[in-house]
């Protein structure tokens, strides 16, 4: 059965992995990215390149989908409604998948603006990292009216074997992702803190991690990031700025809902401190370095 063409705007770590996944599965894919190295990777995977978002949108036929995998709401608006934006060329009945982690109110506003020209929107934040995205094993948290989800079911299944239908209310995917990422941030700050403490106590960090991973303190993000950090590997798989943004958005969303927990805001401040310490473009496992630098109490 023929499948509609798909467009991807943003072929970075996660977007590039999604491009490779879809190309390998035989989808007709057009990609737009400003980074020449990402363009080359997309072409090597088998994708066609578009010079600008509007050019990409014009290449898509009826019922097709445009996947946006940029960093934040400002970039989403820019690739849709900025100079050369895709929205001017989108047709009624097409669908935009919003994959960045952004505020629920931004998702709702963007979806509403698209609806004004008859374009559907799926709130589709993702989780799991590039390796799992490449293998089709990442998590997708989708929120949209059921007919819209049904219309893109084949594409969603190609992207992920963990498509979790949150609700029919656009914005609930973003809310769920922020809940998840706030916990991820809390867990990562906690993992970095206890390893910095263990090091100050003279413990072997690799052995300490072995114990944690087989005990009640285990968390996936703590193990993943701290294993690399202990080895001195801070090559960015996920920059400090990503969880800095996500935890800030999550705390703001919590407060908008009338909730103020004891840990989220503190975790968010640690990511902000790492940014201010010059670690913004390092892997977020660099929190271990930040907490190692804390002076001992007198």
Protein backbone atom coordinates (compact mmCIF):
# COMPACT_ATOMS: atom_id res chain seq x y z
CA UNK A 1 0.00 0.00 0.00
CA UNK A 2 1.38 3.42 -0.95
CA UNK A 3 2.16 5.84 1.83
CA UNK A 4 2.08 9.63 1.70
CA UNK A 5 5.37 11.48 1.58
CA UNK A 6 6.71 12.75 4.90
CA UNK A 7 8.70 15.87 5.69
CA UNK A 8 11.05 16.41 8.61
CA UNK A 9 12.22 19.83 9.73
CA UNK A 10 15.16 19.46 12.11
CA UNK A 11 17.55 16.53 11.57
CA UNK A 12 19.65 16.86 14.73
CA UNK A 13 20.26 14.07 17.21
CA UNK A 14 16.64 12.93 17.51
CA UNK A 15 15.38 14.18 14.15
CA UNK A 16 18.30 12.61 12.33
CA UNK A 17 17.66 9.28 14.02
CA UNK A 18 14.01 9.47 12.97
CA UNK A 19 15.09 10.25 9.40
CA UNK A 20 17.31 7.16 9.31
CA UNK A 21 14.52 5.04 10.74
CA UNK A 22 11.95 6.16 8.18
CA UNK A 23 14.32 5.98 5.21
CA UNK A 24 15.32 2.45 6.11
CA UNK A 25 11.63 1.53 6.31
CA UNK A 26 11.08 2.81 2.78
CA UNK A 27 9.27 6.09 3.38
CA UNK A 28 9.53 8.89 0.83
CA UNK A 29 11.21 11.53 2.99
CA UNK A 30 12.16 15.16 2.47
CA UNK A 31 14.31 16.92 5.07
CA UNK A 32 15.09 20.54 5.88
CA UNK A 33 17.90 21.49 8.26
CA UNK A 34 20.21 24.52 8.41
CA UNK A 35 23.29 22.49 9.42
CA UNK A 36 25.28 21.22 6.39
CA UNK A 37 26.55 18.20 8.33
CA UNK A 38 22.97 17.19 9.16
CA UNK A 39 22.02 17.69 5.52
CA UNK A 40 24.77 15.30 4.44
CA UNK A 41 23.67 12.71 6.99
CA UNK A 42 20.06 12.94 5.79
CA UNK A 43 21.12 12.51 2.17
CA UNK A 44 23.30 9.54 3.09
CA UNK A 45 20.27 7.95 4.76
CA UNK A 46 18.28 8.33 1.53
CA UNK A 47 16.28 11.50 2.13
CA UNK A 48 15.71 14.34 -0.34
CA UNK A 49 16.77 17.81 0.80
CA UNK A 50 14.67 20.96 0.73
CA UNK A 51 16.31 24.36 0.88
CA UNK A 52 13.60 25.91 3.06
CA UNK A 53 10.54 24.82 5.05
CA UNK A 54 8.09 26.19 2.48
CA UNK A 55 9.83 24.25 -0.29
CA UNK A 56 9.55 21.11 1.80
CA UNK A 57 5.85 21.69 2.45
CA UNK A 58 5.17 22.13 -1.26
CA UNK A 59 6.64 18.68 -1.91
CA UNK A 60 4.07 17.00 0.32
CA UNK A 61 0.84 15.61 -1.07
CA UNK A 62 -2.65 15.21 0.31
CA UNK A 63 -2.87 13.51 3.69
CA UNK A 64 0.87 13.79 4.26
CA UNK A 65 2.63 14.69 7.50
CA UNK A 66 5.24 17.26 8.45
CA UNK A 67 7.33 16.30 11.50
CA UNK A 68 8.91 19.21 13.36
CA UNK A 69 11.89 18.26 15.54
CA UNK A 70 13.44 21.57 16.59
CA UNK A 71 14.38 22.80 20.07
CA UNK A 72 11.73 25.19 21.33
CA UNK A 73 8.50 27.02 20.60
CA UNK A 74 10.28 30.01 19.04
CA UNK A 75 11.93 27.72 16.50
CA UNK A 76 8.61 25.97 15.81
CA UNK A 77 6.98 29.30 15.02
CA UNK A 78 9.94 30.35 12.90
CA UNK A 79 9.92 27.24 10.69
CA UNK A 80 6.13 27.51 10.32
CA UNK A 81 5.50 31.26 10.04
CA UNK A 82 8.91 32.91 9.68
CA UNK A 83 10.53 33.86 6.37
CA UNK A 84 10.17 30.85 4.08
CA UNK A 85 7.98 29.14 6.68
CA UNK A 86 6.19 25.90 5.93
CA UNK A 87 2.70 27.04 6.92
CA UNK A 88 2.20 29.13 3.80
CA UNK A 89 2.50 25.98 1.69
CA UNK A 90 0.62 23.50 3.87
CA UNK A 91 -2.71 22.27 2.55
CA UNK A 92 -5.96 21.48 4.38
CA UNK A 93 -6.02 17.89 5.56
CA UNK A 94 -2.26 17.63 6.07
CA UNK A 95 -0.89 17.00 9.56
CA UNK A 96 1.91 18.57 11.59
CA UNK A 97 3.56 16.46 14.31
CA UNK A 98 5.01 18.68 17.04
CA UNK A 99 7.85 16.70 18.65
CA UNK A 100 9.79 19.31 20.68
CA UNK A 101 9.28 19.67 24.41
CA UNK A 102 7.45 22.99 24.70
CA UNK A 103 4.88 24.58 26.99
CA UNK A 104 1.31 23.26 26.71
CA UNK A 105 -0.03 26.73 26.00
CA UNK A 106 2.39 27.04 23.07
CA UNK A 107 1.23 23.70 21.66
CA UNK A 108 -2.39 24.81 21.97
CA UNK A 109 -1.71 28.14 20.29
CA UNK A 110 0.26 26.59 17.42
CA UNK A 111 -2.39 23.91 16.89
CA UNK A 112 -5.11 26.57 16.89
CA UNK A 113 -3.29 28.64 14.29
CA UNK A 114 -2.80 25.60 12.06
CA UNK A 115 -6.45 24.63 12.46
CA UNK A 116 -7.37 28.02 11.07
CA UNK A 117 -6.04 26.90 7.70
CA UNK A 118 -7.45 23.37 7.96
CA UNK A 119 -4.19 21.69 8.99
CA UNK A 120 -4.28 19.04 11.72
CA UNK A 121 -1.82 18.96 14.61
CA UNK A 122 -0.61 16.04 16.69
CA UNK A 123 1.00 16.96 20.00
CA UNK A 124 3.78 14.34 19.90
CA UNK A 125 6.70 14.87 22.29
CA UNK A 126 9.22 12.05 22.35
CA UNK A 127 11.54 10.41 24.84
CA UNK A 128 14.25 7.78 24.83
CA UNK A 129 17.27 9.21 23.05
CA UNK A 130 18.68 8.89 19.51
CA UNK A 131 19.60 5.20 19.70
CA UNK A 132 16.07 4.20 20.58
CA UNK A 133 14.66 6.63 18.00
CA UNK A 134 16.87 5.05 15.34
CA UNK A 135 15.55 1.61 16.26
CA UNK A 136 11.91 2.69 16.46
CA UNK A 137 11.86 2.07 20.21
CA UNK A 138 11.49 5.62 21.50
CA UNK A 139 8.37 6.70 23.36
CA UNK A 140 5.85 8.98 21.67
CA UNK A 141 3.26 10.71 23.83
CA UNK A 142 0.51 11.69 21.43
CA UNK A 143 -2.54 13.86 21.96
CA UNK A 144 -4.98 14.74 19.19
CA UNK A 145 -8.52 13.94 18.13
CA UNK A 146 -8.88 10.24 17.38
CA UNK A 147 -9.53 10.66 13.62
CA UNK A 148 -6.29 12.63 13.30
CA UNK A 149 -4.31 9.94 15.11
CA UNK A 150 -5.96 7.23 13.03
CA UNK A 151 -4.99 9.04 9.85
CA UNK A 152 -1.31 8.93 10.81
CA UNK A 153 -1.31 5.55 12.60
CA UNK A 154 1.06 3.92 10.09
CA UNK A 155 3.61 6.72 10.43
CA UNK A 156 3.38 6.73 14.22
CA UNK A 157 3.91 2.96 14.33
CA UNK A 158 6.95 3.30 12.07
CA UNK A 159 8.46 5.89 14.40
CA UNK A 160 7.80 4.08 17.67
CA UNK A 161 6.69 0.80 19.15
CA UNK A 162 5.70 2.79 22.25
CA UNK A 163 3.01 5.16 20.97
CA UNK A 164 1.13 6.23 24.08
CA UNK A 165 -2.21 7.90 23.43
CA UNK A 166 -2.58 10.45 26.18
CA UNK A 167 -5.89 12.07 25.26
CA UNK A 168 -7.73 13.83 22.45
CA UNK A 169 -6.81 17.23 23.90
CA UNK A 170 -3.82 18.79 22.16
CA UNK A 171 -1.47 20.02 24.90
CA UNK A 172 -1.78 16.94 27.09
CA UNK A 173 1.18 15.34 25.33
CA UNK A 174 3.27 18.34 26.33
CA UNK A 175 1.95 18.20 29.89
CA UNK A 176 2.85 14.52 30.17
CA UNK A 177 6.31 15.09 28.72
CA UNK A 178 7.00 17.89 31.19
CA UNK A 179 5.96 15.65 34.09
CA UNK A 180 8.34 12.98 32.81
CA UNK A 181 11.22 15.35 32.17
CA UNK A 182 10.92 17.03 35.54
CA UNK A 183 11.32 13.62 37.15
CA UNK A 184 14.25 12.89 34.82
CA UNK A 185 15.86 16.15 35.90
CA UNK A 186 15.29 15.42 39.58
CA UNK A 187 16.73 11.92 39.15
CA UNK A 188 19.78 13.21 37.28
CA UNK A 189 20.53 15.90 39.86
CA UNK A 190 20.14 13.27 42.58
CA UNK A 191 22.47 10.83 40.83
CA UNK A 192 25.13 13.51 40.34
CA UNK A 193 24.79 14.62 43.96
CA UNK A 194 25.21 11.18 45.48
CA UNK A 195 28.20 10.33 43.27
CA UNK A 196 29.90 13.62 44.17
CA UNK A 197 29.20 12.72 47.80
CA UNK A 198 30.55 9.19 47.31
CA UNK A 199 33.73 10.55 45.75
CA UNK A 200 34.22 12.95 48.67
CA UNK A 201 33.82 9.94 50.98
CA UNK A 202 36.61 8.10 49.16
CA UNK A 203 34.42 5.53 47.41
CA UNK A 204 35.07 4.07 43.98
CA UNK A 205 32.45 5.61 41.68
CA UNK A 206 32.19 2.70 39.28
CA UNK A 207 31.60 0.29 42.14
CA UNK A 208 29.12 2.69 43.71
CA UNK A 209 27.18 2.81 40.44
CA UNK A 210 27.21 -0.99 40.30
CA UNK A 211 25.51 -1.04 43.69
CA UNK A 212 23.00 1.69 42.81
CA UNK A 213 22.02 -0.04 39.58
CA UNK A 214 21.10 -3.18 41.48
CA UNK A 215 19.44 -1.42 44.38
CA UNK A 216 16.63 0.96 45.22
CA UNK A 217 18.46 4.10 44.07
CA UNK A 218 18.59 3.06 40.43
CA UNK A 219 17.26 5.32 37.66
CA UNK A 220 17.76 4.95 33.93
CA UNK A 221 18.95 8.51 33.38
CA UNK A 222 21.25 8.35 36.39
CA UNK A 223 22.96 5.21 35.10
CA UNK A 224 23.12 6.41 31.50
CA UNK A 225 24.59 9.82 32.26
CA UNK A 226 26.75 9.00 35.26
CA UNK A 227 28.49 6.05 33.56
CA UNK A 228 29.73 8.46 30.90
CA UNK A 229 30.50 11.21 33.41
CA UNK A 230 32.58 8.92 35.61
CA UNK A 231 34.58 7.99 32.50
CA UNK A 232 35.12 11.70 31.77
CA UNK A 233 32.96 11.60 28.63
CA UNK A 234 30.97 14.83 28.37
CA UNK A 235 30.44 14.73 24.58
CA UNK A 236 26.87 16.00 24.27
CA UNK A 237 24.16 13.46 23.56
CA UNK A 238 21.73 15.75 25.39
CA UNK A 239 23.02 19.24 26.15
CA UNK A 240 22.63 20.75 29.60
CA UNK A 241 20.40 23.39 28.01
CA UNK A 242 17.71 20.83 27.11
CA UNK A 243 16.83 19.74 30.64
CA UNK A 244 17.44 23.30 31.79
CA UNK A 245 14.65 24.35 29.42
CA UNK A 246 12.42 21.38 30.16
CA UNK A 247 12.63 21.62 33.94
CA UNK A 248 11.96 25.37 33.77
CA UNK A 249 8.89 24.75 31.62
CA UNK A 250 7.74 21.95 33.91
CA UNK A 251 7.99 24.10 37.04
CA UNK A 252 6.09 26.88 35.28
CA UNK A 253 3.38 24.43 34.19
CA UNK A 254 3.09 23.08 37.73
CA UNK A 255 2.68 26.54 39.17
CA UNK A 256 0.10 27.42 36.51
CA UNK A 257 -1.85 24.39 37.71
CA UNK A 258 -1.57 25.54 41.33
CA UNK A 259 1.05 22.99 42.37
CA UNK A 260 4.39 23.78 44.02
CA UNK A 261 6.43 20.68 44.90
CA UNK A 262 9.56 20.50 47.04
CA UNK A 263 12.09 19.22 44.47
CA UNK A 264 11.36 20.42 40.94
CA UNK A 265 12.38 24.05 41.34
CA UNK A 266 15.60 23.06 43.11
CA UNK A 267 16.53 20.62 40.33
CA UNK A 268 15.79 23.29 37.73
CA UNK A 269 18.14 25.69 39.52
CA UNK A 270 20.99 23.15 39.35
CA UNK A 271 20.70 22.98 35.54
CA UNK A 272 20.67 26.78 35.44
CA UNK A 273 23.82 26.82 37.61
CA UNK A 274 25.53 24.37 35.24
CA UNK A 275 24.70 26.67 32.33
CA UNK A 276 26.10 29.68 34.19
CA UNK A 277 29.26 27.66 34.99
CA UNK A 278 30.01 27.31 31.27
CA UNK A 279 28.62 23.80 30.81
CA UNK A 280 25.68 24.67 28.55
CA UNK A 281 26.96 22.75 25.52
CA UNK A 282 28.23 19.74 27.45
CA UNK A 283 26.32 16.53 28.01
CA UNK A 284 23.97 16.91 30.95
CA UNK A 285 26.05 14.34 32.82
CA UNK A 286 28.33 17.35 33.42
CA UNK A 287 26.22 17.97 36.52
CA UNK A 288 28.69 15.61 38.22
CA UNK A 289 31.48 18.09 37.46
CA UNK A 290 29.39 20.95 38.79
CA UNK A 291 28.67 19.20 42.08
CA UNK A 292 32.25 18.02 42.42
CA UNK A 293 33.22 21.69 42.59
CA UNK A 294 31.02 22.42 45.58
CA UNK A 295 33.22 23.51 48.45
CA UNK A 296 32.95 21.30 51.56
CA UNK A 297 31.09 22.74 54.51
CA UNK A 298 33.40 24.18 57.20
